[in-house]
Amino acid sequence: MQSNQKLINSDKKPIELFQEWFEEAKKSEINDPNAMNLATISSDGKPSSRIVLLKSYDDKGFVFYTNSNSKKGRAIKNNDSVALNFHWKTLQRQIRIEGNVSQISNAEADEYYNSRPLGSRIGAWASLQSEELDDRSTLTKRVEEFEKKFSDNDVPRPSHWNGYLVAPILIEFWQDMPFRLHDRLEFRMENDGWVTRKLYP
């Protein structure tokens, strides 16, 4: 049984392999190749997941931004164990990541926040993320209020809007193959180094 699909290159470091796949995804995905599913655990042990956007990555991990008062922000504060998942349908690939999340520095968060469009910066102030909204007009009114407050376009980063780094302890690369005999390669952090192994589909 032969396949034209290439097997995963196990000679590369996980971040190098991620970069290779991510660059391919940016060329092939219709939109948001940096979209990733973030799974968290609440204080009462219930799992929750949602899509967030990857904004940067390096050997230390994967960075996203959010409202720290949101449901995911509260979950992260309670339990730093999280999981990420990238799925690129055009490439028939998936990357699954498990790790520990921590807040990045204020300086790093400020730098990214200040690069955002004005409307997004206003929105960070106006939205009481994950709280009950009685009517859309209430949100519109809050946006207008903060537009007036920051009419000089100098919109500082609110203290509740922060960046988070997911430091991976496990990264699994998945490549679709015929007859569901997929190729899977796992990198697991052990003793400050990555240990690799192939997994059955």
N, C-alpha and C. Protein backbone atom coordinates (compact mmCIF):
# COMPACT_ATOMS: atom_id res chain seq x y z
N MET A 1 0.85 -1.18 0.00
CA MET A 1 0.00 0.00 0.00
C MET A 1 0.89 1.24 0.00
N GLN A 2 0.87 2.01 -1.06
CA GLN A 2 1.75 3.15 -1.22
C GLN A 2 0.96 4.46 -1.09
N SER A 3 1.67 5.53 -0.74
CA SER A 3 1.05 6.85 -0.63
C SER A 3 1.99 7.90 -1.17
N ASN A 4 1.42 8.92 -1.81
CA ASN A 4 2.22 10.03 -2.29
C ASN A 4 2.51 11.05 -1.18
N GLN A 5 1.82 10.90 -0.05
CA GLN A 5 2.02 11.81 1.07
C GLN A 5 3.33 11.49 1.78
N LYS A 6 4.13 12.52 2.06
CA LYS A 6 5.42 12.31 2.70
C LYS A 6 5.24 12.04 4.19
N LEU A 7 6.10 11.18 4.73
CA LEU A 7 6.10 10.93 6.16
C LEU A 7 6.71 12.14 6.88
N ILE A 8 6.38 12.29 8.15
CA ILE A 8 6.85 13.42 8.94
C ILE A 8 8.36 13.31 9.16
N ASN A 9 9.06 14.42 8.99
CA ASN A 9 10.51 14.46 9.18
C ASN A 9 10.84 14.45 10.67
N SER A 10 11.39 13.35 11.16
CA SER A 10 11.67 13.21 12.59
C SER A 10 13.05 13.71 12.97
N ASP A 11 13.80 14.23 12.01
CA ASP A 11 15.16 14.71 12.29
C ASP A 11 15.19 16.14 12.81
N LYS A 12 14.08 16.86 12.67
CA LYS A 12 14.05 18.27 13.06
C LYS A 12 13.60 18.44 14.51
N LYS A 13 13.98 19.59 15.08
CA LYS A 13 13.46 19.96 16.39
C LYS A 13 11.98 20.29 16.23
N PRO A 14 11.19 20.13 17.29
CA PRO A 14 9.74 20.37 17.15
C PRO A 14 9.39 21.78 16.70
N ILE A 15 10.12 22.79 17.19
CA ILE A 15 9.80 24.16 16.80
C ILE A 15 10.16 24.40 15.34
N GLU A 16 11.19 23.72 14.84
CA GLU A 16 11.57 23.83 13.43
C GLU A 16 10.51 23.18 12.54
N LEU A 17 10.01 22.04 12.99
CA LEU A 17 8.97 21.35 12.23
C LEU A 17 7.67 22.15 12.27
N PHE A 18 7.36 22.73 13.43
CA PHE A 18 6.18 23.59 13.51
C PHE A 18 6.29 24.75 12.53
N GLN A 19 7.43 25.39 12.51
CA GLN A 19 7.62 26.54 11.61
C GLN A 19 7.44 26.13 10.16
N GLU A 20 7.98 24.98 9.79
CA GLU A 20 7.85 24.50 8.41
C GLU A 20 6.39 24.28 8.05
N TRP A 21 5.65 23.62 8.92
CA TRP A 21 4.24 23.36 8.65
C TRP A 21 3.42 24.65 8.68
N PHE A 22 3.73 25.54 9.63
CA PHE A 22 2.99 26.79 9.76
C PHE A 22 3.16 27.66 8.52
N GLU A 23 4.37 27.72 7.99
CA GLU A 23 4.62 28.51 6.78
C GLU A 23 3.84 27.93 5.60
N GLU A 24 3.75 26.62 5.51
CA GLU A 24 2.96 25.99 4.44
C GLU A 24 1.49 26.31 4.63
N ALA A 25 1.03 26.30 5.87
CA ALA A 25 -0.38 26.59 6.15
C ALA A 25 -0.73 28.02 5.77
N LYS A 26 0.19 28.94 5.99
CA LYS A 26 -0.07 30.35 5.64
C LYS A 26 -0.25 30.52 4.13
N LYS A 27 0.32 29.63 3.36
CA LYS A 27 0.18 29.70 1.91
C LYS A 27 -1.08 29.00 1.41
N SER A 28 -1.56 28.01 2.15
CA SER A 28 -2.64 27.18 1.63
C SER A 28 -4.01 27.42 2.28
N GLU A 29 -4.03 27.86 3.53
CA GLU A 29 -5.30 28.06 4.21
C GLU A 29 -6.01 29.31 3.69
N ILE A 30 -7.32 29.25 3.59
CA ILE A 30 -8.11 30.37 3.07
C ILE A 30 -8.01 31.57 4.00
N ASN A 31 -8.06 31.33 5.29
CA ASN A 31 -7.95 32.42 6.28
C ASN A 31 -7.50 31.86 7.63
N ASP A 32 -6.94 32.73 8.43
CA ASP A 32 -6.56 32.43 9.81
C ASP A 32 -5.78 31.12 9.99
N PRO A 33 -4.65 30.97 9.32
CA PRO A 33 -3.83 29.78 9.56
C PRO A 33 -3.28 29.73 10.97
N ASN A 34 -3.31 30.87 11.67
CA ASN A 34 -2.83 30.93 13.05
C ASN A 34 -3.91 30.64 14.08
N ALA A 35 -5.09 30.24 13.61
CA ALA A 35 -6.17 29.88 14.53
C ALA A 35 -5.84 28.56 15.23
N MET A 36 -6.02 28.55 16.54
CA MET A 36 -5.74 27.34 17.30
C MET A 36 -6.79 27.17 18.38
N ASN A 37 -7.13 25.93 18.66
CA ASN A 37 -8.07 25.63 19.72
C ASN A 37 -7.33 25.62 21.05
N LEU A 38 -7.83 26.37 22.01
CA LEU A 38 -7.25 26.42 23.35
C LEU A 38 -8.21 25.73 24.32
N ALA A 39 -7.73 24.69 24.99
CA ALA A 39 -8.54 23.97 25.97
C ALA A 39 -8.03 24.27 27.38
N THR A 40 -8.96 24.57 28.28
CA THR A 40 -8.63 24.89 29.66
C THR A 40 -9.51 24.07 30.60
N ILE A 41 -9.17 24.12 31.90
CA ILE A 41 -9.94 23.42 32.92
C ILE A 41 -10.40 24.44 33.96
N SER A 42 -11.70 24.43 34.28
CA SER A 42 -12.25 25.38 35.25
C SER A 42 -11.92 24.95 36.67
N SER A 43 -12.26 25.81 37.63
CA SER A 43 -11.97 25.52 39.04
C SER A 43 -12.73 24.29 39.54
N ASP A 44 -13.86 23.96 38.90
CA ASP A 44 -14.61 22.77 39.30
C ASP A 44 -14.32 21.58 38.39
N GLY A 45 -13.23 21.67 37.64
CA GLY A 45 -12.76 20.53 36.87
C GLY A 45 -13.43 20.31 35.53
N LYS A 46 -14.17 21.29 35.03
CA LYS A 46 -14.86 21.14 33.76
C LYS A 46 -13.99 21.68 32.61
N PRO A 47 -13.87 20.91 31.53
CA PRO A 47 -13.08 21.38 30.38
C PRO A 47 -13.86 22.38 29.54
N SER A 48 -13.14 23.25 28.87
CA SER A 48 -13.75 24.23 27.97
C SER A 48 -12.75 24.52 26.87
N SER A 49 -13.25 24.78 25.67
CA SER A 49 -12.34 25.08 24.56
C SER A 49 -12.92 26.18 23.69
N ARG A 50 -12.01 26.87 23.00
CA ARG A 50 -12.39 27.94 22.10
C ARG A 50 -11.23 28.23 21.15
N ILE A 51 -11.51 28.94 20.06
CA ILE A 51 -10.46 29.29 19.11
C ILE A 51 -9.85 30.62 19.51
N VAL A 52 -8.52 30.65 19.56
CA VAL A 52 -7.77 31.90 19.75
C VAL A 52 -6.74 31.98 18.63
N LEU A 53 -6.06 33.11 18.54
CA LEU A 53 -5.09 33.29 17.46
C LEU A 53 -3.66 33.31 18.00
N LEU A 54 -2.82 32.51 17.38
CA LEU A 54 -1.39 32.53 17.69
C LEU A 54 -0.80 33.83 17.18
N LYS A 55 -0.10 34.56 18.05
CA LYS A 55 0.48 35.83 17.64
C LYS A 55 1.99 35.79 17.52
N SER A 56 2.64 34.88 18.20
CA SER A 56 4.08 34.70 18.06
C SER A 56 4.47 33.36 18.65
N TYR A 57 5.65 32.90 18.29
CA TYR A 57 6.15 31.64 18.85
C TYR A 57 7.67 31.61 18.73
N ASP A 58 8.29 30.85 19.61
CA ASP A 58 9.73 30.62 19.56
C ASP A 58 10.02 29.36 20.37
N ASP A 59 11.29 29.14 20.70
CA ASP A 59 11.65 27.94 21.45
C ASP A 59 10.96 27.86 22.81
N LYS A 60 10.57 29.02 23.35
CA LYS A 60 9.95 29.04 24.68
C LYS A 60 8.49 28.60 24.63
N GLY A 61 7.82 28.86 23.49
CA GLY A 61 6.43 28.46 23.40
C GLY A 61 5.60 29.32 22.47
N PHE A 62 4.29 29.30 22.70
CA PHE A 62 3.30 29.87 21.79
C PHE A 62 2.49 30.94 22.52
N VAL A 63 2.39 32.13 21.91
CA VAL A 63 1.80 33.29 22.58
C VAL A 63 0.45 33.67 21.98
N PHE A 64 -0.52 33.93 22.86
CA PHE A 64 -1.81 34.49 22.46
C PHE A 64 -2.19 35.57 23.47
N TYR A 65 -3.23 36.34 23.14
CA TYR A 65 -3.66 37.45 23.99
C TYR A 65 -5.15 37.33 24.29
N THR A 66 -5.53 37.77 25.49
CA THR A 66 -6.94 37.70 25.84
C THR A 66 -7.23 38.57 27.06
N ASN A 67 -8.51 38.69 27.36
CA ASN A 67 -8.99 39.37 28.55
C ASN A 67 -8.82 38.43 29.75
N SER A 68 -8.05 38.84 30.73
CA SER A 68 -7.78 37.97 31.89
C SER A 68 -9.01 37.73 32.75
N ASN A 69 -10.05 38.56 32.57
CA ASN A 69 -11.29 38.38 33.33
C ASN A 69 -12.28 37.48 32.60
N SER A 70 -11.94 37.04 31.40
CA SER A 70 -12.82 36.17 30.62
C SER A 70 -12.86 34.77 31.22
N LYS A 71 -13.71 33.93 30.69
CA LYS A 71 -13.82 32.56 31.18
C LYS A 71 -12.49 31.83 31.07
N LYS A 72 -11.82 31.98 29.93
CA LYS A 72 -10.53 31.30 29.78
C LYS A 72 -9.46 31.91 30.67
N GLY A 73 -9.53 33.25 30.85
CA GLY A 73 -8.57 33.91 31.73
C GLY A 73 -8.69 33.42 33.16
N ARG A 74 -9.92 33.26 33.62
CA ARG A 74 -10.15 32.76 34.99
C ARG A 74 -9.71 31.31 35.12
N ALA A 75 -9.95 30.52 34.08
CA ALA A 75 -9.54 29.11 34.12
C ALA A 75 -8.02 29.00 34.17
N ILE A 76 -7.34 29.82 33.38
CA ILE A 76 -5.88 29.82 33.35
C ILE A 76 -5.31 30.18 34.72
N LYS A 77 -5.93 31.15 35.38
CA LYS A 77 -5.47 31.57 36.71
C LYS A 77 -5.60 30.43 37.70
N ASN A 78 -6.63 29.61 37.53
CA ASN A 78 -6.88 28.50 38.44
C ASN A 78 -6.02 27.28 38.14
N ASN A 79 -5.76 27.04 36.85
CA ASN A 79 -5.04 25.83 36.44
C ASN A 79 -4.21 26.15 35.21
N ASP A 80 -2.89 26.06 35.33
CA ASP A 80 -2.02 26.47 34.22
C ASP A 80 -1.80 25.37 33.19
N SER A 81 -2.43 24.21 33.37
CA SER A 81 -2.32 23.14 32.37
C SER A 81 -3.33 23.38 31.25
N VAL A 82 -2.84 23.51 30.03
CA VAL A 82 -3.71 23.77 28.88
C VAL A 82 -3.29 22.91 27.70
N ALA A 83 -4.12 22.91 26.68
CA ALA A 83 -3.80 22.21 25.44
C ALA A 83 -4.16 23.09 24.25
N LEU A 84 -3.36 22.99 23.20
CA LEU A 84 -3.60 23.71 21.95
C LEU A 84 -3.76 22.70 20.83
N ASN A 85 -4.49 23.09 19.80
CA ASN A 85 -4.62 22.23 18.63
C ASN A 85 -4.73 23.08 17.37
N PHE A 86 -3.85 22.82 16.42
CA PHE A 86 -3.91 23.43 15.09
C PHE A 86 -4.42 22.36 14.13
N HIS A 87 -5.39 22.73 13.28
CA HIS A 87 -5.88 21.80 12.26
C HIS A 87 -5.94 22.54 10.93
N TRP A 88 -5.14 22.08 9.99
CA TRP A 88 -5.09 22.70 8.66
C TRP A 88 -5.66 21.71 7.65
N LYS A 89 -6.91 21.92 7.26
CA LYS A 89 -7.60 20.97 6.38
C LYS A 89 -6.95 20.89 5.01
N THR A 90 -6.46 22.04 4.51
CA THR A 90 -5.86 22.03 3.17
C THR A 90 -4.61 21.17 3.11
N LEU A 91 -3.93 21.05 4.23
CA LEU A 91 -2.70 20.25 4.28
C LEU A 91 -2.94 18.86 4.86
N GLN A 92 -4.16 18.64 5.37
CA GLN A 92 -4.48 17.38 6.05
C GLN A 92 -3.48 17.10 7.18
N ARG A 93 -3.29 18.14 7.99
CA ARG A 93 -2.33 18.05 9.09
C ARG A 93 -2.94 18.62 10.38
N GLN A 94 -2.39 18.13 11.47
CA GLN A 94 -2.81 18.59 12.79
C GLN A 94 -1.59 18.62 13.70
N ILE A 95 -1.54 19.62 14.58
CA ILE A 95 -0.51 19.67 15.61
C ILE A 95 -1.21 19.82 16.95
N ARG A 96 -0.90 18.91 17.84
CA ARG A 96 -1.50 18.92 19.18
C ARG A 96 -0.41 19.24 20.20
N ILE A 97 -0.71 20.18 21.10
CA ILE A 97 0.29 20.66 22.06
C ILE A 97 -0.30 20.62 23.47
N GLU A 98 0.47 20.11 24.41
CA GLU A 98 0.12 20.17 25.82
C GLU A 98 1.21 20.95 26.54
N GLY A 99 0.81 21.76 27.52
CA GLY A 99 1.83 22.54 28.22
C GLY A 99 1.28 23.34 29.38
N ASN A 100 2.13 24.21 29.87
CA ASN A 100 1.77 25.08 30.99
C ASN A 100 1.79 26.53 30.53
N VAL A 101 0.80 27.29 30.94
CA VAL A 101 0.63 28.65 30.47
C VAL A 101 1.01 29.65 31.57
N SER A 102 1.62 30.74 31.16
CA SER A 102 1.98 31.81 32.09
C SER A 102 1.83 33.15 31.39
N GLN A 103 1.66 34.18 32.17
CA GLN A 103 1.48 35.52 31.62
C GLN A 103 2.82 36.10 31.19
N ILE A 104 2.85 36.74 30.02
CA ILE A 104 4.08 37.36 29.54
C ILE A 104 4.25 38.74 30.20
N SER A 105 5.37 39.38 29.95
CA SER A 105 5.65 40.66 30.60
C SER A 105 4.72 41.76 30.09
N ASN A 106 4.55 42.78 30.92
CA ASN A 106 3.74 43.94 30.52
C ASN A 106 4.33 44.63 29.30
N ALA A 107 5.66 44.67 29.23
CA ALA A 107 6.32 45.33 28.10
C ALA A 107 5.99 44.63 26.79
N GLU A 108 6.00 43.29 26.81
CA GLU A 108 5.66 42.53 25.60
C GLU A 108 4.20 42.73 25.23
N ALA A 109 3.33 42.71 26.23
CA ALA A 109 1.90 42.91 25.97
C ALA A 109 1.63 44.31 25.43
N ASP A 110 2.31 45.30 26.00
CA ASP A 110 2.15 46.68 25.52
C ASP A 110 2.56 46.80 24.06
N GLU A 111 3.67 46.18 23.72
CA GLU A 111 4.18 46.29 22.35
C GLU A 111 3.18 45.73 21.34
N TYR A 112 2.62 44.56 21.64
CA TYR A 112 1.64 44.00 20.71
C TYR A 112 0.35 44.81 20.72
N TYR A 113 -0.12 45.17 21.91
CA TYR A 113 -1.37 45.92 22.02
C TYR A 113 -1.32 47.21 21.20
N ASN A 114 -0.21 47.90 21.27
CA ASN A 114 -0.07 49.17 20.56
C ASN A 114 0.01 49.01 19.04
N SER A 115 0.23 47.78 18.58
CA SER A 115 0.26 47.51 17.14
C SER A 115 -1.13 47.21 16.58
N ARG A 116 -2.12 47.06 17.45
CA ARG A 116 -3.47 46.69 17.02
C ARG A 116 -4.21 47.90 16.45
N PRO A 117 -5.20 47.66 15.59
CA PRO A 117 -6.03 48.76 15.08
C PRO A 117 -6.73 49.49 16.23
N LEU A 118 -7.03 50.76 16.00
CA LEU A 118 -7.67 51.57 17.03
C LEU A 118 -8.95 50.92 17.54
N GLY A 119 -9.77 50.42 16.62
CA GLY A 119 -11.03 49.81 17.02
C GLY A 119 -10.85 48.61 17.94
N SER A 120 -9.80 47.84 17.71
CA SER A 120 -9.53 46.68 18.56
C SER A 120 -9.07 47.11 19.94
N ARG A 121 -8.30 48.20 20.00
CA ARG A 121 -7.84 48.70 21.30
C ARG A 121 -9.02 49.27 22.10
N ILE A 122 -9.93 49.96 21.41
CA ILE A 122 -11.14 50.45 22.07
C ILE A 122 -11.97 49.26 22.56
N GLY A 123 -12.07 48.25 21.73
CA GLY A 123 -12.85 47.07 22.08
C GLY A 123 -12.36 46.37 23.33
N ALA A 124 -11.05 46.40 23.55
CA ALA A 124 -10.48 45.76 24.74
C ALA A 124 -10.99 46.43 26.02
N TRP A 125 -11.29 47.72 25.93
CA TRP A 125 -11.87 48.45 27.06
C TRP A 125 -13.38 48.24 27.15
N ALA A 126 -14.04 48.23 26.01
CA ALA A 126 -15.50 48.23 26.00
C ALA A 126 -16.12 46.88 26.33
N SER A 127 -15.44 45.80 25.97
CA SER A 127 -16.03 44.47 26.15
C SER A 127 -15.77 43.90 27.53
N LEU A 128 -16.84 43.55 28.22
CA LEU A 128 -16.74 42.82 29.50
C LEU A 128 -16.78 41.34 29.16
N GLN A 129 -15.73 40.86 28.56
CA GLN A 129 -15.72 39.54 27.91
C GLN A 129 -16.24 38.43 28.83
N SER A 130 -17.14 37.64 28.29
CA SER A 130 -17.76 36.47 28.93
C SER A 130 -18.86 36.84 29.93
N GLU A 131 -19.07 38.14 30.20
CA GLU A 131 -20.17 38.55 31.07
C GLU A 131 -21.47 38.62 30.26
N GLU A 132 -22.60 38.53 30.94
CA GLU A 132 -23.90 38.58 30.25
C GLU A 132 -24.13 39.96 29.63
N LEU A 133 -24.60 39.96 28.39
CA LEU A 133 -24.91 41.19 27.65
C LEU A 133 -26.41 41.25 27.41
N ASP A 134 -27.07 42.27 27.95
CA ASP A 134 -28.53 42.34 27.83
C ASP A 134 -28.99 42.68 26.42
N ASP A 135 -28.22 43.51 25.72
CA ASP A 135 -28.60 43.91 24.38
C ASP A 135 -27.36 44.43 23.65
N ARG A 136 -27.31 44.20 22.35
CA ARG A 136 -26.15 44.64 21.57
C ARG A 136 -25.94 46.15 21.67
N SER A 137 -27.03 46.88 21.84
CA SER A 137 -26.93 48.34 21.93
C SER A 137 -26.12 48.78 23.15
N THR A 138 -26.13 47.96 24.19
CA THR A 138 -25.34 48.27 25.39
C THR A 138 -23.86 48.25 25.07
N LEU A 139 -23.44 47.26 24.29
CA LEU A 139 -22.04 47.18 23.87
C LEU A 139 -21.69 48.37 22.98
N THR A 140 -22.58 48.69 22.05
CA THR A 140 -22.35 49.83 21.15
C THR A 140 -22.17 51.11 21.95
N LYS A 141 -22.99 51.28 22.98
CA LYS A 141 -22.90 52.48 23.82
C LYS A 141 -21.56 52.53 24.55
N ARG A 142 -21.11 51.38 25.05
CA ARG A 142 -19.82 51.34 25.75
C ARG A 142 -18.68 51.68 24.79
N VAL A 143 -18.76 51.18 23.57
CA VAL A 143 -17.74 51.50 22.57
C VAL A 143 -17.69 53.01 22.35
N GLU A 144 -18.86 53.61 22.18
CA GLU A 144 -18.93 55.06 21.95
C GLU A 144 -18.37 55.84 23.13
N GLU A 145 -18.63 55.37 24.34
CA GLU A 145 -18.13 56.04 25.54
C GLU A 145 -16.61 56.04 25.59
N PHE A 146 -16.02 54.90 25.24
CA PHE A 146 -14.55 54.82 25.27
C PHE A 146 -13.92 55.53 24.08
N GLU A 147 -14.65 55.62 22.97
CA GLU A 147 -14.16 56.42 21.85
C GLU A 147 -14.05 57.88 22.25
N LYS A 148 -15.01 58.36 23.02
CA LYS A 148 -14.97 59.74 23.51
C LYS A 148 -13.86 59.92 24.53
N LYS A 149 -13.73 58.93 25.41
CA LYS A 149 -12.71 59.01 26.46
C LYS A 149 -11.31 59.07 25.87
N PHE A 150 -11.10 58.30 24.80
CA PHE A 150 -9.79 58.24 24.16
C PHE A 150 -9.84 58.92 22.79
N SER A 151 -10.44 60.08 22.73
CA SER A 151 -10.63 60.78 21.45
C SER A 151 -9.32 61.21 20.81
N ASP A 152 -8.24 61.25 21.59
CA ASP A 152 -6.94 61.62 21.02
C ASP A 152 -6.22 60.41 20.43
N ASN A 153 -6.91 59.26 20.41
CA ASN A 153 -6.39 58.00 19.86
C ASN A 153 -5.25 57.41 20.68
N ASP A 154 -4.99 57.97 21.86
CA ASP A 154 -4.00 57.40 22.77
C ASP A 154 -4.73 56.45 23.71
N VAL A 155 -4.73 55.16 23.34
CA VAL A 155 -5.52 54.17 24.07
C VAL A 155 -4.56 53.22 24.79
N PRO A 156 -4.35 53.40 26.08
CA PRO A 156 -3.43 52.52 26.80
C PRO A 156 -4.00 51.11 26.94
N ARG A 157 -3.13 50.17 27.17
CA ARG A 157 -3.58 48.79 27.36
C ARG A 157 -4.24 48.65 28.73
N PRO A 158 -5.48 48.13 28.76
CA PRO A 158 -6.12 47.91 30.07
C PRO A 158 -5.40 46.80 30.83
N SER A 159 -5.36 46.90 32.13
CA SER A 159 -4.61 45.94 32.94
C SER A 159 -5.16 44.52 32.84
N HIS A 160 -6.43 44.40 32.43
CA HIS A 160 -7.03 43.07 32.33
C HIS A 160 -6.78 42.41 30.96
N TRP A 161 -6.10 43.10 30.06
CA TRP A 161 -5.83 42.55 28.72
C TRP A 161 -4.36 42.16 28.67
N ASN A 162 -4.09 40.86 28.56
CA ASN A 162 -2.72 40.37 28.71
C ASN A 162 -2.36 39.31 27.68
N GLY A 163 -1.07 39.05 27.61
CA GLY A 163 -0.55 38.00 26.74
C GLY A 163 -0.16 36.79 27.56
N TYR A 164 -0.28 35.62 26.93
CA TYR A 164 0.02 34.37 27.62
C TYR A 164 0.93 33.49 26.75
N LEU A 165 1.86 32.84 27.42
CA LEU A 165 2.80 31.94 26.76
C LEU A 165 2.50 30.51 27.18
N VAL A 166 2.27 29.64 26.20
CA VAL A 166 2.10 28.22 26.47
C VAL A 166 3.45 27.55 26.24
N ALA A 167 4.07 27.10 27.33
CA ALA A 167 5.36 26.41 27.24
C ALA A 167 5.07 24.92 27.05
N PRO A 168 5.42 24.35 25.90
CA PRO A 168 5.02 22.98 25.61
C PRO A 168 5.82 21.94 26.38
N ILE A 169 5.13 20.89 26.80
CA ILE A 169 5.79 19.71 27.35
C ILE A 169 5.54 18.50 26.45
N LEU A 170 4.61 18.67 25.51
CA LEU A 170 4.33 17.63 24.52
C LEU A 170 3.84 18.29 23.24
N ILE A 171 4.39 17.86 22.11
CA ILE A 171 3.94 18.33 20.80
C ILE A 171 3.79 17.11 19.90
N GLU A 172 2.61 16.92 19.36
CA GLU A 172 2.38 15.79 18.44
C GLU A 172 2.01 16.31 17.06
N PHE A 173 2.71 15.81 16.06
CA PHE A 173 2.45 16.13 14.66
C PHE A 173 1.69 14.97 14.03
N TRP A 174 0.63 15.31 13.31
CA TRP A 174 -0.24 14.30 12.70
C TRP A 174 -0.38 14.61 11.22
N GLN A 175 -0.15 13.60 10.40
CA GLN A 175 -0.26 13.74 8.95
C GLN A 175 -1.24 12.71 8.42
N ASP A 176 -2.25 13.17 7.70
CA ASP A 176 -3.23 12.26 7.11
C ASP A 176 -2.56 11.31 6.13
N MET A 177 -2.96 10.05 6.17
CA MET A 177 -2.46 9.04 5.25
C MET A 177 -3.64 8.18 4.78
N PRO A 178 -3.48 7.46 3.66
CA PRO A 178 -4.58 6.65 3.14
C PRO A 178 -5.05 5.58 4.14
N PHE A 179 -6.32 5.25 4.04
CA PHE A 179 -6.93 4.17 4.82
C PHE A 179 -6.83 4.42 6.32
N ARG A 180 -6.72 5.68 6.71
CA ARG A 180 -6.64 6.09 8.11
C ARG A 180 -5.41 5.54 8.82
N LEU A 181 -4.40 5.20 8.06
CA LEU A 181 -3.12 4.76 8.63
C LEU A 181 -2.20 5.97 8.74
N HIS A 182 -2.64 6.93 9.53
CA HIS A 182 -1.99 8.23 9.60
C HIS A 182 -0.59 8.15 10.21
N ASP A 183 0.22 9.16 9.90
CA ASP A 183 1.57 9.24 10.44
C ASP A 183 1.55 10.18 11.64
N ARG A 184 2.05 9.70 12.78
CA ARG A 184 2.05 10.49 14.01
C ARG A 184 3.44 10.49 14.63
N LEU A 185 3.89 11.68 14.99
CA LEU A 185 5.21 11.84 15.62
C LEU A 185 5.05 12.69 16.87
N GLU A 186 5.49 12.14 18.00
CA GLU A 186 5.35 12.83 19.28
C GLU A 186 6.70 13.27 19.82
N PHE A 187 6.75 14.52 20.28
CA PHE A 187 7.90 15.06 21.00
C PHE A 187 7.47 15.28 22.44
N ARG A 188 8.18 14.69 23.37
CA ARG A 188 7.86 14.85 24.79
C ARG A 188 9.08 15.38 25.53
N MET A 189 8.87 16.42 26.35
CA MET A 189 9.96 17.02 27.11
C MET A 189 10.30 16.15 28.32
N GLU A 190 11.54 15.69 28.37
CA GLU A 190 12.02 14.88 29.49
C GLU A 190 13.44 15.31 29.83
N ASN A 191 13.66 15.66 31.11
CA ASN A 191 14.99 16.06 31.58
C ASN A 191 15.59 17.17 30.71
N ASP A 192 14.78 18.20 30.44
CA ASP A 192 15.22 19.38 29.69
C ASP A 192 15.60 19.07 28.24
N GLY A 193 15.09 17.98 27.70
CA GLY A 193 15.35 17.65 26.31
C GLY A 193 14.15 16.96 25.69
N TRP A 194 14.07 17.01 24.36
CA TRP A 194 12.94 16.40 23.66
C TRP A 194 13.23 14.94 23.33
N VAL A 195 12.27 14.09 23.67
CA VAL A 195 12.33 12.67 23.33
C VAL A 195 11.26 12.41 22.28
N THR A 196 11.62 11.76 21.19
CA THR A 196 10.67 11.53 20.10
C THR A 196 10.26 10.07 20.02
N ARG A 197 9.06 9.86 19.55
CA ARG A 197 8.60 8.50 19.29
C ARG A 197 7.47 8.55 18.28
N LYS A 198 7.38 7.52 17.48
CA LYS A 198 6.28 7.35 16.54
C LYS A 198 5.11 6.71 17.27
N LEU A 199 3.89 7.05 16.86
CA LEU A 199 2.69 6.49 17.46
C LEU A 199 1.86 5.76 16.41
N TYR A 200 1.20 4.70 16.85
CA TYR A 200 0.24 4.05 15.96
C TYR A 200 -0.86 5.05 15.62
N PRO A 201 -1.46 4.92 14.42
CA PRO A 201 -2.55 5.82 14.05
C PRO A 201 -3.76 5.64 14.99
